């Protein structure tokens, strides 16, 4: 805004001698002209009214490069104060989302999120700021969120601003994931051939289902506890498709007469390996692993005895 001698008409504004725009002169001699989007640097303005040119005035426009890298926000979580948030997973089942706050972003900034979970640290993909007015959002797999039920995850982000390669680190958010009291332990592989998953629980008032997570996700049939554990054969087609790949396993727990399903922690296998079974072994798979191993030894010893008999 500038003030000129009261006169009728419009004001032509020039920026370094180049017309910038036209504003209406008010009765009190003032005028306003929005000048958003001006480039950084020195601008010398003049105004012209009815052939009269004002004295020049100079403005030096500089961009604020300061960053305020406060903690990120986990979508749907509520603040617990002092850089902490909490969320009930079962109220918002599915993938989680980390939202980057308005830290003073500029076009060209590259941003990455780090998720430190129960047993693993995951660095997200890199996103580039193309519109500072639109906050960046990063997806966190539901399995990583499930794995942290009952414990805390730590979430941070980093910013690299060109032309420097300096990495700027944010404050850390501590996220408490709630859902059930006490952790439900991850399953274990209970077979030397890596084709049998075992889950354990301390009571027989529940049913369970195993989940195999790789290129595809396969779920087992629902089984009931008749003791403190259940063995789940791992789907053969899934095993073959995921050989040599990183995979995840977990299982769900359900009380009879209650629709709520609770999820266990995650077991990770970075390089899935298993032994192909022969026909005799496959025929024994319905048996408990201990019984199956005893039968395999019996068959092997019988086979060896028959070979000796035919040699005579």
Protein backbone atom coordinates (compact mmCIF):
# COMPACT_ATOMS: atom_id res chain seq x y z
CA UNK A 1 0.00 0.00 0.00
CA UNK A 2 1.22 3.55 -0.76
CA UNK A 3 -0.15 7.06 -0.39
CA UNK A 4 -0.34 9.61 -3.22
CA UNK A 5 -1.90 13.07 -3.47
CA UNK A 6 -5.72 12.68 -3.58
CA UNK A 7 -6.84 12.58 -7.17
CA UNK A 8 -9.20 10.52 -9.26
CA UNK A 9 -8.14 7.61 -11.44
CA UNK A 10 -6.10 4.48 -11.24
CA UNK A 11 -2.53 3.75 -10.26
CA UNK A 12 -0.10 1.94 -12.54
CA UNK A 13 2.65 0.18 -10.61
CA UNK A 14 6.01 -0.66 -12.16
CA UNK A 15 8.56 -3.15 -10.82
CA UNK A 16 12.10 -2.31 -12.00
CA UNK A 17 10.49 -0.35 -14.84
CA UNK A 18 8.24 -3.24 -15.90
CA UNK A 19 4.45 -2.84 -15.38
CA UNK A 20 3.34 -4.96 -12.43
CA UNK A 21 -0.35 -4.12 -12.37
CA UNK A 22 -3.00 -1.48 -11.88
CA UNK A 23 -4.79 -0.49 -8.67
CA UNK A 24 -7.69 1.82 -7.92
CA UNK A 25 -6.78 5.05 -6.17
CA UNK A 26 -8.92 5.59 -3.07
CA UNK A 27 -10.34 8.97 -2.04
CA UNK A 28 -7.78 9.29 0.74
CA UNK A 29 -4.92 8.78 -1.71
CA UNK A 30 -4.16 5.15 -0.84
CA UNK A 31 -4.10 2.11 -3.08
CA UNK A 32 -3.47 -1.64 -2.73
CA UNK A 33 -1.97 -4.06 -5.20
CA UNK A 34 -1.40 -7.75 -4.34
CA UNK A 35 2.15 -8.72 -5.29
CA UNK A 36 2.33 -12.40 -4.39
CA UNK A 37 4.83 -14.58 -6.23
CA UNK A 38 7.56 -11.99 -6.62
CA UNK A 39 11.00 -13.50 -7.14
CA UNK A 40 13.65 -13.25 -4.49
CA UNK A 41 15.95 -10.24 -4.73
CA UNK A 42 15.72 -6.44 -4.89
CA UNK A 43 12.64 -4.78 -6.43
CA UNK A 44 12.41 -1.04 -7.14
CA UNK A 45 8.80 0.12 -7.44
CA UNK A 46 7.30 3.31 -8.87
CA UNK A 47 3.68 4.37 -9.21
CA UNK A 48 2.12 6.49 -11.97
CA UNK A 49 -1.13 8.43 -11.59
CA UNK A 50 -2.44 10.77 -14.28
CA UNK A 51 1.05 11.08 -15.72
CA UNK A 52 2.62 11.81 -12.32
CA UNK A 53 5.36 9.37 -11.27
CA UNK A 54 6.11 8.74 -7.61
CA UNK A 55 9.52 8.56 -6.05
CA UNK A 56 10.94 5.01 -6.20
CA UNK A 57 10.96 2.70 -3.19
CA UNK A 58 13.00 -0.47 -2.83
CA UNK A 59 12.01 -3.83 -1.33
CA UNK A 60 14.40 -6.75 -0.82
CA UNK A 61 12.51 -10.05 -0.91
CA UNK A 62 14.15 -13.03 0.77
CA UNK A 63 12.82 -16.49 1.43
CA UNK A 64 12.82 -17.79 4.98
CA UNK A 65 14.90 -20.96 4.89
CA UNK A 66 14.48 -21.79 8.56
CA UNK A 67 12.93 -25.17 9.42
CA UNK A 68 10.89 -25.91 12.51
CA UNK A 69 11.18 -29.70 12.56
CA UNK A 70 8.66 -30.52 15.26
CA UNK A 71 7.33 -34.05 15.83
CA UNK A 72 5.24 -35.70 13.10
CA UNK A 73 1.62 -36.67 13.73
CA UNK A 74 0.13 -40.16 13.47
CA UNK A 75 -3.30 -39.93 11.85
CA UNK A 76 -6.22 -40.61 14.24
CA UNK A 77 -3.89 -40.64 17.26
CA UNK A 78 -4.52 -38.32 20.21
CA UNK A 79 -1.91 -36.24 21.98
CA UNK A 80 -0.58 -37.50 25.29
CA UNK A 81 1.69 -34.45 25.79
CA UNK A 82 5.46 -34.00 25.69
CA UNK A 83 5.96 -35.42 22.19
CA UNK A 84 3.72 -38.46 22.79
CA UNK A 85 0.57 -39.72 21.08
CA UNK A 86 -1.59 -42.79 21.55
CA UNK A 87 -4.00 -44.78 19.42
CA UNK A 88 -6.22 -47.84 19.86
CA UNK A 89 -5.44 -50.02 16.84
CA UNK A 90 -8.80 -51.81 16.95
CA UNK A 91 -10.66 -48.50 16.60
CA UNK A 92 -8.86 -47.78 13.29
CA UNK A 93 -7.85 -51.18 11.89
CA UNK A 94 -5.71 -51.08 8.78
CA UNK A 95 -2.62 -49.23 7.59
CA UNK A 96 -1.38 -46.24 9.55
CA UNK A 97 -0.39 -42.82 8.20
CA UNK A 98 2.32 -40.41 9.36
CA UNK A 99 1.56 -36.76 8.60
CA UNK A 100 4.43 -34.27 8.26
CA UNK A 101 3.68 -30.92 9.96
CA UNK A 102 4.11 -27.47 8.44
CA UNK A 103 7.81 -27.20 9.23
CA UNK A 104 8.55 -24.41 6.72
CA UNK A 105 8.68 -26.60 3.62
CA UNK A 106 10.04 -25.34 0.31
CA UNK A 107 9.70 -26.77 -3.18
CA UNK A 108 12.43 -29.33 -3.78
CA UNK A 109 12.76 -30.49 -0.17
CA UNK A 110 13.09 -34.28 0.06
CA UNK A 111 11.51 -35.93 3.09
CA UNK A 112 11.78 -39.44 4.54
CA UNK A 113 10.10 -41.02 7.59
CA UNK A 114 11.76 -43.45 10.01
CA UNK A 115 9.62 -45.92 11.99
CA UNK A 116 11.33 -47.65 14.93
CA UNK A 117 9.05 -50.50 15.96
CA UNK A 118 9.22 -53.38 18.42
CA UNK A 119 12.04 -55.20 16.69
CA UNK A 120 12.79 -53.40 13.43
CA UNK A 121 13.59 -49.94 12.01
CA UNK A 122 11.97 -49.07 8.69
CA UNK A 123 12.90 -46.11 6.49
CA UNK A 124 10.13 -45.00 4.14
CA UNK A 125 10.35 -44.03 0.50
CA UNK A 126 11.57 -40.48 -0.23
CA UNK A 127 8.96 -37.86 -1.15
CA UNK A 128 9.70 -34.49 -2.76
CA UNK A 129 7.84 -31.32 -1.83
CA UNK A 130 6.12 -29.86 -4.90
CA UNK A 131 3.54 -27.75 -3.07
CA UNK A 132 4.46 -26.57 0.44
CA UNK A 133 0.79 -25.87 1.19
CA UNK A 134 -0.03 -29.60 0.95
CA UNK A 135 1.43 -31.68 3.84
CA UNK A 136 3.21 -34.92 2.96
CA UNK A 137 1.72 -38.22 4.21
CA UNK A 138 3.57 -41.55 4.56
CA UNK A 139 1.90 -44.97 4.87
CA UNK A 140 2.93 -47.42 7.59
CA UNK A 141 1.92 -51.05 7.00
CA UNK A 142 -0.80 -52.37 9.29
CA UNK A 143 1.52 -55.24 10.22
CA UNK A 144 4.09 -52.82 11.64
CA UNK A 145 1.36 -51.13 13.67
CA UNK A 146 0.01 -54.50 14.89
CA UNK A 147 3.53 -55.52 15.91
CA UNK A 148 3.64 -52.53 18.28
CA UNK A 149 0.37 -53.21 20.13
CA UNK A 150 1.22 -52.90 23.81
CA UNK A 151 4.57 -51.16 23.18
CA UNK A 152 5.77 -47.82 21.80
CA UNK A 153 6.91 -46.94 18.30
CA UNK A 154 9.23 -43.99 17.66
CA UNK A 155 8.60 -41.90 14.54
CA UNK A 156 10.90 -39.24 13.06
CA UNK A 157 11.44 -37.61 9.69
CA UNK A 158 14.40 -36.05 7.89
CA UNK A 159 14.54 -33.18 5.41
CA UNK A 160 17.22 -32.47 2.79
CA UNK A 161 17.01 -29.02 1.20
CA UNK A 162 18.86 -28.34 -2.07
CA UNK A 163 21.49 -27.42 -2.97
CA UNK A 164 22.95 -28.71 0.29
CA UNK A 165 23.08 -32.44 1.05
CA UNK A 166 22.78 -31.76 4.77
CA UNK A 167 20.25 -33.99 6.54
CA UNK A 168 17.98 -32.13 8.98
CA UNK A 169 16.33 -34.35 11.63
CA UNK A 170 13.01 -33.75 13.34
CA UNK A 171 12.06 -34.23 16.94
CA UNK A 172 10.82 -37.76 17.71
CA UNK A 173 7.22 -38.76 18.30
CA UNK A 174 6.60 -41.60 20.78
CA UNK A 175 3.45 -43.48 19.70
CA UNK A 176 1.72 -45.85 22.11
CA UNK A 177 -0.36 -48.46 20.26
CA UNK A 178 -3.13 -49.83 22.46
CA UNK A 179 -5.57 -52.66 21.85
CA UNK A 180 -5.34 -55.46 24.42
CA UNK A 181 -3.65 -55.98 27.74
CA UNK A 182 -0.41 -57.88 27.46
CA UNK A 183 1.34 -58.87 24.26
CA UNK A 184 0.27 -61.88 22.19
CA UNK A 185 3.55 -63.55 21.31
CA UNK A 186 4.54 -64.03 17.68
CA UNK A 187 4.27 -67.55 16.23
CA UNK A 188 7.29 -69.79 15.77
CA UNK A 189 8.31 -72.19 13.02
CA UNK A 190 8.12 -75.64 14.58
CA UNK A 191 9.62 -77.84 11.91
CA UNK A 192 13.11 -78.46 10.51
CA UNK A 193 11.52 -78.18 7.06
CA UNK A 194 10.12 -74.68 7.82
CA UNK A 195 6.63 -75.75 6.80
CA UNK A 196 4.80 -75.75 10.13
CA UNK A 197 3.80 -72.73 12.26
CA UNK A 198 3.11 -73.09 15.98
CA UNK A 199 1.11 -70.64 18.12
CA UNK A 200 0.85 -70.76 21.90
CA UNK A 201 -1.57 -69.40 24.44
CA UNK A 202 -2.17 -70.10 28.12
CA UNK A 203 -5.87 -70.97 28.03
CA UNK A 204 -8.15 -73.22 25.97
CA UNK A 205 -11.01 -70.73 25.74
CA UNK A 206 -9.88 -69.39 22.36
CA UNK A 207 -9.71 -70.26 18.69
CA UNK A 208 -6.90 -69.15 16.40
CA UNK A 209 -6.02 -68.56 12.75
CA UNK A 210 -2.55 -68.15 11.23
CA UNK A 211 -1.64 -65.62 8.57
CA UNK A 212 1.22 -65.98 6.05
CA UNK A 213 2.25 -62.61 4.55
CA UNK A 214 4.44 -62.44 1.45
CA UNK A 215 3.77 -61.80 -2.23
CA UNK A 216 0.21 -62.67 -1.29
CA UNK A 217 -1.45 -63.06 2.11
CA UNK A 218 -2.91 -66.47 2.94
CA UNK A 219 -4.93 -67.34 6.02
CA UNK A 220 -5.27 -70.79 7.55
CA UNK A 221 -8.57 -72.34 8.61
CA UNK A 222 -9.74 -71.44 12.13
CA UNK A 223 -8.60 -74.00 14.72
CA UNK A 224 -9.56 -74.46 18.36
CA UNK A 225 -7.13 -74.82 21.24
CA UNK A 226 -7.24 -78.27 22.83
CA UNK A 227 -4.15 -77.48 24.85
CA UNK A 228 -1.70 -74.60 25.02
CA UNK A 229 -0.66 -74.63 21.36
CA UNK A 230 -1.84 -75.23 17.79
CA UNK A 231 0.26 -76.29 14.79
CA UNK A 232 -0.65 -74.77 11.41
CA UNK A 233 0.80 -76.33 8.22
CA UNK A 234 2.06 -73.51 5.99
CA UNK A 235 0.31 -73.37 2.63
CA UNK A 236 2.50 -75.21 0.08
CA UNK A 237 1.74 -72.96 -2.89
CA UNK A 238 2.50 -69.89 -0.76
CA UNK A 239 5.80 -71.46 0.35
CA UNK A 240 6.87 -72.11 -3.23
CA UNK A 241 5.95 -68.60 -4.41
CA UNK A 242 7.86 -66.93 -1.55
CA UNK A 243 11.00 -69.08 -1.45
CA UNK A 244 14.06 -66.89 -0.79
CA UNK A 245 11.98 -63.79 -0.05
CA UNK A 246 11.38 -61.79 3.15
CA UNK A 247 8.03 -62.79 4.68
CA UNK A 248 5.97 -62.19 7.81
CA UNK A 249 3.88 -64.47 9.99
CA UNK A 250 1.31 -63.67 12.65
CA UNK A 251 -1.88 -65.12 14.03
CA UNK A 252 -5.21 -63.97 15.43
CA UNK A 253 -6.94 -64.98 18.64
CA UNK A 254 -10.69 -65.07 19.31
CA UNK A 255 -12.68 -65.88 22.43
CA UNK A 256 -15.70 -68.14 21.94
CA UNK A 257 -18.90 -66.10 21.84
CA UNK A 258 -17.04 -62.84 21.23
CA UNK A 259 -16.61 -61.28 17.78
CA UNK A 260 -13.47 -59.32 18.73
CA UNK A 261 -10.32 -60.65 17.05
CA UNK A 262 -6.91 -59.90 18.59
CA UNK A 263 -3.65 -59.99 16.64
CA UNK A 264 -0.27 -61.33 17.68
CA UNK A 265 3.12 -59.77 17.23
CA UNK A 266 4.95 -60.39 13.96
CA UNK A 267 7.57 -63.04 13.19
CA UNK A 268 9.93 -62.01 10.38
CA UNK A 269 11.87 -64.31 8.10
CA UNK A 270 14.28 -62.41 5.85
CA UNK A 271 15.03 -65.31 3.50
CA UNK A 272 12.34 -67.99 3.42
CA UNK A 273 13.85 -71.45 3.01
CA UNK A 274 12.16 -74.79 3.31
CA UNK A 275 12.78 -78.40 2.41
CA UNK A 276 10.69 -79.98 -0.30
CA UNK A 277 8.88 -82.99 1.15
CA UNK A 278 8.55 -86.39 -0.51
CA UNK A 279 5.31 -88.34 -0.83
CA UNK A 280 5.82 -90.25 2.41
CA UNK A 281 6.43 -87.04 4.37
CA UNK A 282 3.43 -85.32 2.81
CA UNK A 283 1.22 -88.24 3.83
CA UNK A 284 2.34 -87.74 7.44
CA UNK A 285 1.66 -84.00 7.59
CA UNK A 286 -1.73 -84.27 9.39
CA UNK A 287 0.10 -85.68 12.42
CA UNK A 288 1.51 -83.63 15.29
CA UNK A 289 5.19 -82.81 14.48
CA UNK A 290 6.54 -85.04 17.29
CA UNK A 291 4.40 -88.00 16.18
CA UNK A 292 5.22 -87.28 12.54
CA UNK A 293 8.96 -87.32 13.25
CA UNK A 294 8.66 -90.67 15.09
CA UNK A 295 6.72 -92.18 12.16
CA UNK A 296 9.30 -90.86 9.69
CA UNK A 297 12.08 -92.55 11.66
CA UNK A 298 10.07 -95.79 11.81
CA UNK A 299 9.48 -95.73 8.03
CA UNK A 300 13.14 -94.97 7.35
CA UNK A 301 14.34 -97.83 9.57
CA UNK A 302 11.84 -100.23 7.94
CA UNK A 303 13.01 -99.18 4.50
CA UNK A 304 16.63 -99.78 5.50
CA UNK A 305 15.73 -103.25 6.87
CA UNK A 306 13.96 -104.21 3.62
CA UNK A 307 17.02 -103.18 1.59
CA UNK A 308 19.21 -105.40 3.77
CA UNK A 309 16.86 -108.38 3.34
CA UNK A 310 16.89 -108.08 -0.46
CA UNK A 311 20.68 -108.02 -0.49
CA UNK A 312 20.81 -111.55 0.98
